[in-house]
Protein backbone atom coordinates (compact mmCIF):
# COMPACT_ATOMS: atom_id res chain seq x y z
CA MET A 1 -17.38 18.01 -24.63
CA VAL A 2 -18.88 14.53 -25.05
CA PHE A 3 -22.64 13.98 -24.67
CA TYR A 4 -24.59 10.86 -23.86
CA LYS A 5 -26.18 9.30 -26.90
CA ASP A 6 -29.96 8.83 -26.70
CA TYR A 7 -31.71 5.65 -27.82
CA LYS A 8 -35.31 6.80 -28.15
CA HIS A 9 -35.78 5.17 -31.53
CA GLN A 10 -34.13 1.88 -30.58
CA GLN A 11 -36.53 -1.00 -29.94
CA TRP A 12 -36.43 -3.07 -26.74
CA LEU A 13 -34.83 -6.46 -27.23
CA LEU A 14 -37.15 -7.84 -24.54
CA PRO A 15 -40.34 -6.22 -23.12
CA PRO A 16 -39.30 -4.29 -19.98
CA ASN A 17 -40.47 -5.24 -16.50
CA LEU A 18 -41.94 -2.15 -14.78
CA GLU A 19 -40.26 -3.09 -11.49
CA ASP A 20 -36.87 -2.82 -13.22
CA ILE A 21 -37.63 0.78 -14.12
CA ILE A 22 -38.94 1.89 -10.70
CA SER A 23 -36.48 2.49 -7.84
CA ASP A 24 -36.32 -0.36 -5.29
CA GLU A 25 -37.07 2.11 -2.48
CA HIS A 26 -40.12 3.72 -4.07
CA ILE A 27 -43.18 4.14 -1.83
CA CYS A 28 -45.39 2.45 -4.45
CA TYR A 29 -44.10 -0.95 -3.29
CA LEU A 30 -45.31 -0.27 0.24
CA LEU A 31 -48.68 0.89 -1.08
CA ASP A 32 -48.95 -2.20 -3.28
CA GLU A 33 -47.98 -4.56 -0.46
CA VAL A 34 -50.32 -3.08 2.15
CA ILE A 35 -53.43 -2.87 -0.08
CA ASP A 36 -52.83 -6.41 -1.36
CA SER A 37 -52.83 -7.63 2.25
CA ILE A 38 -56.37 -6.32 2.84
CA LYS A 39 -59.16 -8.84 2.32
CA PHE A 40 -61.98 -7.82 -0.01
CA GLU A 41 -64.15 -10.95 0.07
CA ASP A 42 -67.36 -9.07 0.91
CA VAL A 43 -66.82 -6.73 -2.04
CA GLU A 44 -65.72 -9.44 -4.47
CA VAL A 45 -69.05 -11.26 -3.96
CA MET A 46 -70.82 -8.29 -5.55
CA TYR A 47 -68.89 -8.82 -8.80
CA GLU A 48 -69.70 -12.53 -9.17
CA GLY A 49 -71.79 -13.79 -12.08
CA PRO A 50 -71.93 -13.03 -15.81
CA GLY A 51 -71.29 -9.60 -17.21
CA HIS A 52 -68.53 -7.31 -18.42
CA PRO A 53 -65.24 -7.65 -16.47
CA ALA A 54 -64.69 -5.00 -13.79
CA TYR A 55 -61.58 -3.43 -12.33
CA HIS A 56 -60.74 -4.90 -8.94
CA PRO A 57 -61.29 -2.35 -6.13
CA ARG A 58 -57.62 -2.75 -5.14
CA ILE A 59 -56.51 -1.19 -8.42
CA ILE A 60 -58.64 1.94 -8.08
CA ILE A 61 -57.78 2.39 -4.40
CA LYS A 62 -54.05 2.12 -5.13
CA LEU A 63 -54.35 4.76 -7.86
CA LEU A 64 -56.37 7.13 -5.63
CA ILE A 65 -53.92 6.86 -2.73
CA MET A 66 -50.86 7.20 -4.97
CA GLY A 67 -52.45 10.26 -6.52
CA MET A 68 -52.96 11.79 -3.08
CA ILE A 69 -49.33 11.04 -2.14
CA ASP A 70 -48.23 12.92 -5.25
CA GLY A 71 -50.71 15.74 -4.62
CA ILE A 72 -52.86 14.65 -7.60
CA ARG A 73 -56.57 14.55 -6.73
CA SER A 74 -58.14 14.96 -10.15
CA SER A 75 -59.54 11.67 -11.46
CA ARG A 76 -58.67 12.77 -15.00
CA LYS A 77 -55.02 13.28 -14.13
CA ILE A 78 -54.90 9.96 -12.25
CA GLY A 79 -56.43 8.19 -15.26
CA LYS A 80 -53.87 9.87 -17.52
CA ASN A 81 -51.02 8.77 -15.25
CA SER A 82 -52.20 5.15 -15.44
CA LYS A 83 -51.35 5.32 -19.16
CA GLU A 84 -48.14 7.40 -18.99
CA ASN A 85 -46.48 7.06 -15.55
CA VAL A 86 -44.68 3.77 -14.85
CA VAL A 87 -45.52 3.93 -11.11
CA TYR A 88 -49.23 4.19 -11.79
CA MET A 89 -48.97 1.57 -14.53
CA PHE A 90 -47.35 -0.80 -12.01
CA LEU A 91 -50.04 -0.18 -9.37
CA ALA A 92 -52.79 -0.64 -11.96
CA GLY A 93 -51.27 -3.89 -13.20
CA LYS A 94 -50.81 -2.30 -16.66
CA LEU A 95 -54.54 -1.61 -16.87
CA SER A 96 -55.91 1.83 -17.71
CA PRO A 97 -59.21 2.60 -15.98
CA ASN A 98 -61.16 5.53 -17.37
CA PHE A 99 -61.26 8.71 -15.27
CA ARG A 100 -65.04 8.32 -14.90
CA THR A 101 -64.51 4.83 -13.44
CA ILE A 102 -62.09 6.31 -10.89
CA SER A 103 -64.40 9.22 -10.05
CA ASP A 104 -67.50 7.03 -9.66
CA PHE A 105 -65.61 4.52 -7.50
CA ARG A 106 -64.48 7.28 -5.12
CA LYS A 107 -68.03 8.61 -4.88
CA ASN A 108 -69.79 5.24 -4.52
CA ASN A 109 -67.41 3.39 -2.17
CA PRO A 110 -66.76 5.56 0.91
CA GLU A 111 -67.06 2.58 3.28
CA LEU A 112 -64.42 0.61 1.37
CA ILE A 113 -61.99 3.54 1.35
CA GLU A 114 -62.53 4.02 5.08
CA LEU A 115 -61.90 0.28 5.62
CA CYS A 116 -58.53 0.63 3.89
CA PHE A 117 -57.62 3.55 6.17
CA LYS A 118 -58.41 1.48 9.28
CA GLU A 119 -56.56 -1.58 8.00
CA ILE A 120 -53.46 0.50 7.25
CA VAL A 121 -53.58 1.92 10.81
CA ARG A 122 -53.78 -1.64 12.18
CA PHE A 123 -50.91 -2.63 9.89
CA ALA A 124 -48.84 0.20 11.36
CA LYS A 125 -49.67 -1.02 14.86
CA LYS A 126 -48.40 -4.51 13.98
CA LEU A 127 -45.15 -2.88 12.87
CA ASP A 128 -44.87 -1.18 16.31
CA MET A 129 -45.38 2.31 14.89
CA ILE A 130 -48.26 3.09 17.24
CA ARG A 131 -47.53 3.26 20.99
CA LEU A 132 -50.66 5.06 22.35
CA GLY A 133 -48.58 6.80 24.99
CA HIS A 134 -49.62 10.28 23.87
CA ILE A 135 -52.28 11.13 21.29
CA SER A 136 -53.19 14.58 20.04
CA ILE A 137 -56.51 15.82 18.65
CA ASP A 138 -56.93 18.89 16.48
CA GLY A 139 -59.10 20.39 13.76
CA THR A 140 -58.58 22.71 10.82
CA LYS A 141 -60.83 24.57 8.42
CA ILE A 142 -60.54 23.46 4.80
CA LYS A 143 -62.22 25.56 2.12
CA ALA A 144 -65.16 23.96 0.34
CA SER A 145 -65.47 23.87 -3.44
CA ALA A 146 -67.90 26.78 -3.28
CA SER A 147 -67.77 30.48 -4.02
CA ASN A 148 -68.78 33.00 -1.36
CA ASP A 149 -70.56 34.95 -4.09
CA LYS A 150 -72.97 32.16 -5.01
CA THR A 151 -75.01 32.29 -1.82
CA LEU A 152 -78.59 33.18 -1.03
CA LYS A 153 -80.37 34.08 2.18
CA LYS A 154 -83.43 32.11 3.20
CA ASP A 155 -85.99 34.69 2.03
CA GLU A 156 -84.07 35.16 -1.24
CA LEU A 157 -84.05 31.41 -1.89
CA LEU A 158 -87.78 31.05 -1.21
CA PHE A 159 -88.52 34.05 -3.44
CA PHE A 160 -86.38 32.72 -6.27
CA GLU A 161 -87.89 29.24 -5.98
CA GLU A 162 -91.34 30.73 -6.50
CA LEU A 163 -90.03 32.86 -9.36
CA ILE A 164 -88.60 29.80 -11.11
CA LYS A 165 -91.72 27.68 -10.66
CA ASN A 166 -94.42 30.27 -11.27
CA GLU A 167 -92.83 32.69 -13.74
CA ILE A 168 -89.79 31.29 -15.51
CA GLN A 169 -90.88 27.65 -15.68
CA LYS A 170 -94.23 28.63 -17.20
CA GLY A 171 -92.49 30.68 -19.89
CA ILE A 172 -93.75 34.09 -18.78
CA ILE A 173 -90.28 35.62 -18.56
CA GLU A 174 -89.33 34.03 -21.91
CA ASP A 175 -92.35 35.57 -23.64
CA GLU A 176 -91.79 39.02 -22.15
CA THR A 177 -88.07 38.88 -22.89
CA GLU A 178 -88.56 37.71 -26.47
CA ASP A 179 -91.08 40.52 -27.17
CA GLU A 180 -88.53 43.07 -26.00
CA ILE A 181 -85.64 41.49 -27.90
CA TYR A 182 -87.31 40.59 -31.19
CA GLY A 183 -90.25 42.99 -31.18
CA GLU A 184 -93.91 42.01 -31.16
CA ASP A 185 -94.12 41.68 -34.96
CA LYS A 186 -91.08 39.39 -35.41
CA ASP A 187 -91.28 35.60 -35.33
CA GLY A 188 -88.06 34.92 -33.42
CA TYR A 189 -85.72 33.56 -36.09
CA GLU A 190 -83.30 36.35 -35.27
CA LEU A 191 -80.72 35.38 -32.63
CA PRO A 192 -80.87 37.51 -29.47
CA ASP A 193 -77.70 39.09 -28.20
CA ASP A 194 -76.47 37.70 -24.85
CA ILE A 195 -75.88 41.19 -23.48
CA ARG A 196 -79.43 42.29 -24.35
CA LEU A 197 -80.81 39.05 -22.84
CA ASN A 198 -78.92 39.73 -19.60
CA GLY A 199 -80.34 43.22 -19.46
CA HIS A 200 -83.93 42.08 -19.88
CA ILE A 201 -83.55 39.33 -17.25
CA LYS A 202 -82.04 41.88 -14.88
CA ARG A 203 -84.96 44.27 -15.30
CA PHE A 204 -87.51 41.47 -14.90
CA ILE A 205 -86.02 40.12 -11.64
CA LYS A 206 -85.50 43.61 -10.24
CA LYS A 207 -89.14 44.41 -10.93
CA LYS A 208 -90.29 41.26 -9.10
CA ILE A 209 -88.01 42.00 -6.13
CA GLU A 210 -89.55 45.47 -5.81
CA GLU A 211 -93.07 44.05 -6.06
CA GLU A 212 -92.39 41.43 -3.36
CA LYS A 213 -90.35 43.92 -1.27
CA ILE A 214 -87.48 41.44 -0.80
CA ASP A 215 -84.29 42.61 0.92
CA CYS A 216 -82.02 41.20 -1.79
CA THR A 217 -78.21 41.32 -1.53
CA ASN A 218 -77.32 38.82 -4.25
CA GLU A 219 -79.48 39.56 -7.23
CA ARG A 220 -76.60 38.67 -9.56
CA VAL A 221 -76.80 34.96 -8.56
CA MET A 222 -80.51 34.93 -9.41
CA ARG A 223 -79.82 36.43 -12.82
CA GLN A 224 -77.14 33.83 -13.58
CA ILE A 225 -79.38 30.91 -12.63
CA ALA A 226 -82.39 32.37 -14.47
CA LYS A 227 -80.33 32.77 -17.63
CA ALA A 228 -78.98 29.22 -17.33
CA TYR A 229 -82.52 27.93 -16.88
CA ILE A 230 -83.90 29.82 -19.89
CA LYS A 231 -81.08 28.74 -22.22
CA GLY A 232 -80.74 25.19 -20.85
CA ASP A 233 -82.27 22.00 -22.20
CA GLU A 234 -84.74 19.90 -20.21
CA GLU A 235 -81.98 18.04 -18.38
CA ARG A 236 -80.26 21.27 -17.36
CA LYS A 237 -83.55 22.78 -16.18
CA LYS A 238 -84.29 19.72 -14.08
CA GLU A 239 -80.79 19.89 -12.57
CA ILE A 240 -81.33 23.54 -11.55
CA LEU A 241 -84.69 22.77 -9.92
CA VAL A 242 -83.15 19.85 -7.97
CA LYS A 243 -80.28 22.07 -6.79
CA ILE A 244 -82.70 24.72 -5.49
CA ASP A 245 -84.87 22.10 -3.80
CA ASP A 246 -81.83 20.47 -2.14
CA ALA A 247 -80.65 23.84 -0.86
CA LYS A 248 -84.11 24.54 0.59
CA LYS A 249 -84.19 21.15 2.37
CA GLU A 250 -80.70 21.70 3.79
CA MET A 251 -81.77 25.08 5.16
CA GLU A 252 -84.84 23.57 6.83
CA LYS A 253 -82.83 20.68 8.29
CA SER A 254 -79.90 22.69 9.64
CA GLY A 255 -81.63 25.96 10.52
CA ILE A 256 -79.00 28.11 8.77
CA ASP A 257 -79.90 31.48 7.24
CA VAL A 258 -77.42 31.63 4.34
CA ILE A 259 -76.61 28.78 1.96
CA SER A 260 -74.25 28.09 -0.93
CA LEU A 261 -75.89 26.95 -4.14
CA THR A 262 -72.60 25.36 -5.23
CA ASP A 263 -72.13 23.15 -2.16
CA HIS A 264 -75.17 23.56 0.07
CA GLU A 265 -73.72 21.29 2.79
CA SER A 266 -70.73 23.58 3.43
CA ARG A 267 -70.86 26.26 6.11
CA PHE A 268 -69.44 29.76 6.60
CA MET A 269 -66.37 29.39 8.86
CA LYS A 270 -63.59 31.77 9.85
CA ASN A 271 -60.16 30.74 8.53
CA LYS A 272 -56.68 31.50 9.94
CA LYS A 273 -56.67 34.88 8.21
CA GLY A 274 -59.90 35.88 9.95
CA MET A 275 -61.94 35.70 6.74
CA LYS A 276 -65.24 33.84 6.52
CA GLU A 277 -65.66 31.42 3.64
CA HIS A 278 -67.58 28.24 2.85
CA SER A 279 -65.59 25.48 4.53
CA TYR A 280 -65.62 22.19 6.40
CA ASN A 281 -64.02 21.39 9.76
CA ALA A 282 -61.56 18.49 9.39
CA GLN A 283 -60.62 16.54 12.56
CA ILE A 284 -57.72 14.15 13.21
CA THR A 285 -56.25 12.15 16.10
CA VAL A 286 -52.51 11.49 15.85
CA ASP A 287 -50.22 9.14 17.74
CA GLU A 288 -47.24 11.13 18.99
CA GLU A 289 -44.57 8.43 18.45
CA TYR A 290 -44.39 8.41 14.63
CA GLY A 291 -47.20 10.77 13.61
CA ILE A 292 -49.66 8.09 12.46
CA ILE A 293 -53.24 9.34 12.11
CA LEU A 294 -55.50 7.08 14.21
CA ALA A 295 -58.88 8.65 13.40
CA ASN A 296 -60.29 11.36 11.17
CA ASP A 297 -63.57 13.03 10.35
CA VAL A 298 -65.07 16.04 8.59
CA THR A 299 -67.89 17.99 10.21
CA GLN A 300 -70.08 20.99 9.41
CA LYS A 301 -69.62 22.41 12.92
CA HIS A 302 -67.46 25.52 13.04
CA THR A 303 -66.20 24.80 16.58
CA ASP A 304 -64.15 21.86 17.89
CA MET A 305 -65.90 21.64 21.25
CA HIS A 306 -68.00 18.54 20.53
CA GLN A 307 -65.45 16.64 18.45
CA LEU A 308 -63.18 15.17 21.14
CA ILE A 309 -65.49 12.34 22.20
CA PRO A 310 -66.22 11.18 18.61
CA GLN A 311 -62.48 11.20 17.86
CA ILE A 312 -61.69 9.02 20.89
CA GLU A 313 -64.50 6.63 19.94
CA LYS A 314 -63.28 6.40 16.32
CA THR A 315 -59.74 5.75 17.55
CA GLU A 316 -60.90 2.88 19.75
CA GLU A 317 -62.89 1.40 16.85
CA THR A 318 -59.63 1.06 14.94
CA VAL A 319 -56.90 0.27 17.50
CA GLY A 320 -58.94 -1.03 20.45
CA ILE A 321 -59.60 0.40 23.92
CA LEU A 322 -56.99 2.99 24.88
CA PRO A 323 -54.77 1.99 27.84
CA GLU A 324 -55.38 3.75 31.13
CA ASN A 325 -53.46 7.01 31.61
CA THR A 326 -52.95 7.47 27.87
CA GLU A 327 -52.13 11.16 27.48
CA VAL A 328 -54.64 13.09 25.37
CA SER A 329 -53.77 16.65 24.33
CA ALA A 330 -56.01 19.14 22.56
CA ASP A 331 -56.15 22.93 22.30
CA ASN A 332 -58.51 25.19 24.23
CA GLY A 333 -61.20 24.75 21.55
CA TYR A 334 -61.89 21.37 23.18
CA PHE A 335 -61.96 22.78 26.74
CA ASP A 336 -65.45 21.66 27.70
CA GLY A 337 -66.77 20.05 30.87
CA GLU A 338 -68.39 17.14 29.05
CA ASN A 339 -65.09 16.32 27.32
CA LEU A 340 -63.15 16.51 30.58
CA ARG A 341 -65.56 14.23 32.41
CA PHE A 342 -65.43 11.75 29.52
CA LEU A 343 -61.63 11.58 29.84
CA ASN A 344 -61.87 11.12 33.61
CA VAL A 345 -64.40 8.29 33.28
CA LYS A 346 -62.13 6.49 30.80
CA ASN A 347 -59.05 7.11 33.02
CA LEU A 348 -57.29 9.04 30.26
CA ALA A 349 -54.82 11.80 31.18
CA GLY A 350 -56.13 14.96 29.53
CA TYR A 351 -53.99 18.01 28.73
CA ILE A 352 -56.41 20.68 27.55
CA PRO A 353 -55.70 24.32 28.50
CA ASP A 354 -58.36 26.97 28.97
CA LYS A 355 -58.08 30.34 27.23
CA ASN A 356 -55.96 31.94 29.94
CA ALA A 357 -53.44 29.09 29.94
CA THR A 358 -53.29 29.21 26.14
CA TYR A 359 -52.56 32.94 26.15
CA GLU A 360 -49.85 32.47 28.79
CA MET A 361 -48.15 29.70 26.76
CA LYS A 362 -48.10 32.09 23.78
CA GLY A 363 -46.22 34.62 25.89
CA LYS A 364 -49.16 36.94 26.44
CA LYS A 365 -49.60 38.55 29.82
CA ILE A 366 -52.91 37.71 31.48
CA ILE A 367 -54.40 40.15 33.97
CA LYS A 368 -56.73 38.13 36.17
CA LYS A 369 -59.84 39.89 37.33
CA PRO A 370 -59.95 40.08 41.14
CA PHE A 371 -63.70 39.41 41.07
CA GLY A 372 -63.93 37.11 38.08
CA LYS A 373 -65.60 33.71 38.38
CA ASP A 374 -62.24 32.04 39.02
CA ALA A 375 -61.86 34.13 42.19
CA PHE A 376 -64.96 32.44 43.64
CA GLU A 377 -64.18 29.17 45.42
CA TYR A 378 -66.69 26.37 44.81
CA ASP A 379 -67.98 24.39 47.81
CA TRP A 380 -68.70 20.92 46.36
CA GLY A 381 -70.55 19.61 49.42
CA ASN A 382 -73.04 22.46 49.74
CA ASP A 383 -73.22 23.35 46.04
CA GLU A 384 -72.32 26.97 46.77
CA TYR A 385 -69.67 29.49 45.85
CA ILE A 386 -67.61 31.48 48.35
CA CYS A 387 -66.84 35.01 47.21
CA PRO A 388 -63.51 36.85 47.85
CA ALA A 389 -65.16 38.53 50.87
CA GLY A 390 -65.95 35.11 52.37
CA GLU A 391 -69.72 35.28 51.82
CA ARG A 392 -71.91 32.57 50.27
CA VAL A 393 -73.29 32.65 46.69
CA THR A 394 -76.17 30.20 46.67
CA PHE A 395 -78.18 28.39 43.98
CA ARG A 396 -81.44 30.09 42.93
CA TYR A 397 -82.81 28.60 39.69
CA GLU A 398 -81.90 26.90 36.40
CA PHE A 399 -83.06 27.14 32.78
CA PHE A 400 -82.23 25.89 29.30
CA GLU A 401 -80.09 28.34 27.31
CA LYS A 402 -80.80 28.07 23.58
CA SER A 403 -77.65 29.89 22.46
CA THR A 404 -75.39 27.25 24.06
CA ASN A 405 -77.91 24.38 23.94
CA ARG A 406 -77.28 23.70 27.63
CA GLN A 407 -78.90 23.73 31.02
CA VAL A 408 -77.67 26.66 33.12
CA ARG A 409 -77.70 26.95 36.91
CA ILE A 410 -77.82 30.48 38.36
CA TYR A 411 -76.25 31.32 41.73
CA ARG A 412 -76.81 34.62 43.56
CA GLY A 413 -74.96 36.43 46.32
CA THR A 414 -76.58 36.78 49.76
CA LYS A 415 -74.99 39.92 51.26
CA CYS A 416 -73.89 41.87 48.22
CA LYS A 417 -75.70 45.14 49.12
CA SER A 418 -73.67 45.65 52.28
CA CYS A 419 -70.38 44.33 50.82
CA VAL A 420 -67.43 46.74 50.57
CA TYR A 421 -66.57 45.26 47.15
CA ASN A 422 -70.06 45.82 45.74
CA VAL A 423 -69.00 48.39 43.14
CA GLN A 424 -66.11 46.28 41.79
CA CYS A 425 -67.95 42.95 41.92
CA VAL A 426 -71.61 43.47 40.97
CA ASN A 427 -72.77 44.26 37.46
CA LYS A 428 -75.47 46.86 38.02
CA ARG A 429 -77.25 45.91 34.80
CA MET A 430 -77.95 42.49 36.36
CA GLY A 431 -79.35 43.92 39.61
CA SER A 432 -78.00 44.53 43.11
CA PHE A 433 -76.59 41.03 43.65
CA ARG A 434 -73.70 39.14 42.06
CA ARG A 435 -74.80 36.30 39.80
CA ILE A 436 -72.72 33.32 38.66
CA ARG A 437 -73.56 30.96 35.83
CA ASN A 438 -72.77 27.27 36.19
CA TYR A 439 -72.96 25.06 33.08
CA GLY A 440 -72.11 21.93 35.06
CA TYR A 441 -68.81 20.04 35.20
CA GLU A 442 -67.39 22.72 37.51
CA LYS A 443 -65.11 20.25 39.26
CA GLU A 444 -63.61 18.93 36.04
CA MET A 445 -63.04 22.37 34.51
CA ARG A 446 -61.44 23.88 37.58
CA GLY A 447 -59.32 20.78 38.05
CA MET A 448 -58.00 20.96 34.47
CA SER A 449 -57.27 24.70 34.81
CA THR A 450 -55.22 24.01 37.93
CA LYS A 451 -53.44 21.10 36.22
CA MET A 452 -52.48 23.17 33.17
CA SER A 453 -51.04 25.94 35.33
CA LEU A 454 -48.07 23.65 36.16
CA GLU A 455 -44.97 23.93 33.97
CA GLU A 456 -44.45 20.17 33.54
CA ASN A 457 -47.99 19.78 32.21
CA LYS A 458 -47.52 22.69 29.82
CA LYS A 459 -44.39 20.95 28.52
CA THR A 460 -46.33 17.71 27.94
CA TYR A 461 -49.06 19.62 26.12
CA LYS A 462 -46.56 21.26 23.75
CA THR A 463 -45.54 17.87 22.33
CA ARG A 464 -48.68 18.06 20.16
CA ALA A 465 -47.04 20.73 18.02
CA LYS A 466 -44.61 18.22 16.48
CA SER A 467 -47.31 15.65 15.74
CA VAL A 468 -50.82 16.84 14.93
CA GLU A 469 -49.91 20.26 13.58
CA CYS A 470 -47.24 18.76 11.30
CA VAL A 471 -49.88 16.47 9.81
CA PHE A 472 -52.00 19.40 8.68
CA GLY A 473 -48.88 21.00 7.26
CA ASP A 474 -48.21 17.85 5.21
CA THR A 475 -51.78 17.49 3.90
CA LYS A 476 -52.16 21.17 3.02
CA GLN A 477 -48.69 22.02 1.72
CA ASN A 478 -47.44 18.76 0.20
CA MET A 479 -50.74 17.23 -0.92
CA GLY A 480 -52.36 20.56 -1.82
CA LEU A 481 -55.45 19.93 0.31
CA ARG A 482 -56.14 23.59 1.04
CA GLU A 483 -59.47 23.30 -0.73
CA PHE A 484 -61.67 20.27 -1.36
CA LEU A 485 -62.30 19.30 -4.98
CA THR A 486 -65.44 17.31 -4.23
CA ARG A 487 -68.75 18.67 -2.90
CA GLY A 488 -71.10 17.47 -0.19
CA ILE A 489 -70.22 16.25 3.30
CA ASN A 490 -69.96 12.57 2.33
CA ASN A 491 -67.70 13.21 -0.64
CA VAL A 492 -65.33 15.52 1.25
CA LYS A 493 -65.10 12.95 4.04
CA THR A 494 -63.88 10.39 1.49
CA GLU A 495 -61.41 12.90 0.04
CA PHE A 496 -60.03 13.61 3.50
CA ILE A 497 -59.78 9.89 4.38
CA LEU A 498 -57.63 9.41 1.25
CA ALA A 499 -55.36 12.25 2.40
CA CYS A 500 -55.01 10.72 5.87
CA THR A 501 -54.29 7.30 4.36
CA ALA A 502 -51.62 8.80 2.10
CA HIS A 503 -50.02 10.56 5.07
CA ASN A 504 -49.90 7.34 7.11
CA LEU A 505 -48.25 5.44 4.25
CA LYS A 506 -45.63 8.16 3.87
CA ARG A 507 -44.87 8.04 7.59
CA MET A 508 -44.65 4.24 7.52
CA TRP A 509 -42.37 4.41 4.48
CA TYR A 510 -39.98 6.86 6.17
CA VAL A 511 -39.75 4.70 9.31
CA LEU A 512 -39.30 1.43 7.38
CA THR A 513 -36.60 3.01 5.22
CA GLU A 514 -34.75 4.12 8.36
CA ARG A 515 -35.09 0.62 9.81
CA GLY A 516 -33.74 -0.89 6.61
CA MET A 517 -36.67 -3.33 6.29
CA ASN A 518 -37.61 -5.06 3.04
CA ILE A 519 -40.87 -3.39 2.04
CA GLN A 520 -41.89 -6.16 -0.35
CA ARG A 521 -41.88 -8.75 2.42
CA LEU A 522 -43.84 -6.87 5.04
CA SER A 523 -47.09 -8.84 4.85
CA SER A 524 -45.26 -12.12 5.54
CA ALA A 525 -43.37 -10.48 8.42
CA CYS A 526 -46.68 -9.39 9.98
């Protein structure tokens, strides 16, 4: 058998051109062309004047997006690739920015990264890859960079804050611990054993918990932080105090009862497996034609109900006002009267099923209650309901419901006591009369339920499965975005924008390759 001969020790006759090494059809050319077409005049002004030369924002943005395309989100790995990988070397113009430069840029320039996302969407529109015939909205839970174990309840946090400031910070715990470790007659030159130190800290905190009568479920977290504080230098101690103070402020601002000390802006959310973990709720709006993401966001809300309107508004900021009768599909998590009225006012064709319609489309059999709210016909003119027996259910009073943060109107039956269906219809715990709650938007919600009961509308709704759900599959499986690397709502938003930008470029690249277009001449063609 004959083998190829290698030439690793042979010198180049001429210095190689990176473009001769990279395949002509590589996606990096599209990335390079599109980012170079974006104007950065406002940013470039900030770099004018004397001083050390800086890397142009284009270079860092290209590296960040290319990293996301390859599923590389670590700034250290991206920085390493700029020295070793010819694709990254080409995008960086043979420069090698330090990983800290890349990390700081991502953290300090969220507006610029968002601008690039919007410009790439507009670029796709110029290439006729966005039709706005049907758009789909959906959300998914993405795990935060936070451990479920490193959490404290509100009373635990307040107790530990006082313990840090009044006991540990003043050195009381250090003195007591050192006496036990070294002995009262020793001067402290002997090194304490970490295991013995842990034991003394444990006994000290447990004693204080018993004295204060705190219902503590995560004493271990307190011990870890106390040990880090005792052994840390001044900078580390200051960092711990700031972290505790930030967590306290976040609790007061948001009204939550449990907080993560790792990422205090994350929230407990239930994932697909039914487990609760610290997460964020990522939202996207996708054009059905080629799967281009039109808008994206990350929120701390665990439900999708109030995210439809912001997604439509973000979409229109980027691509302009949506044409009338644009189809908008979303799952039953967005089935809300306010959302439905918003779509009607904008003359958009909504396809949002309620829970019953969703169960039916999944093949589940729904047994409708003969005396459920849906069995009561609503009289729009008189603002009354008509029960299955033909009697009137009239308005009585309204109040603000804190659990739903909404105004509720209560309607009550008029002849329930003498009705033959009284036993089946009236909940005896609520009295002798049937009561119906109305959260407003009754016309819109009943109209959408009727609309989604038709087979042709169910078929239109199902088109979302091949667009928006595939996007989440790409970002999670191919890019590895099952868990955020960054922490804090603003940082994870930037990380998610980069993922959405990378997805759009991949979709554009696939379409352009199929069309046989010259990627390196796109900007002149547009």
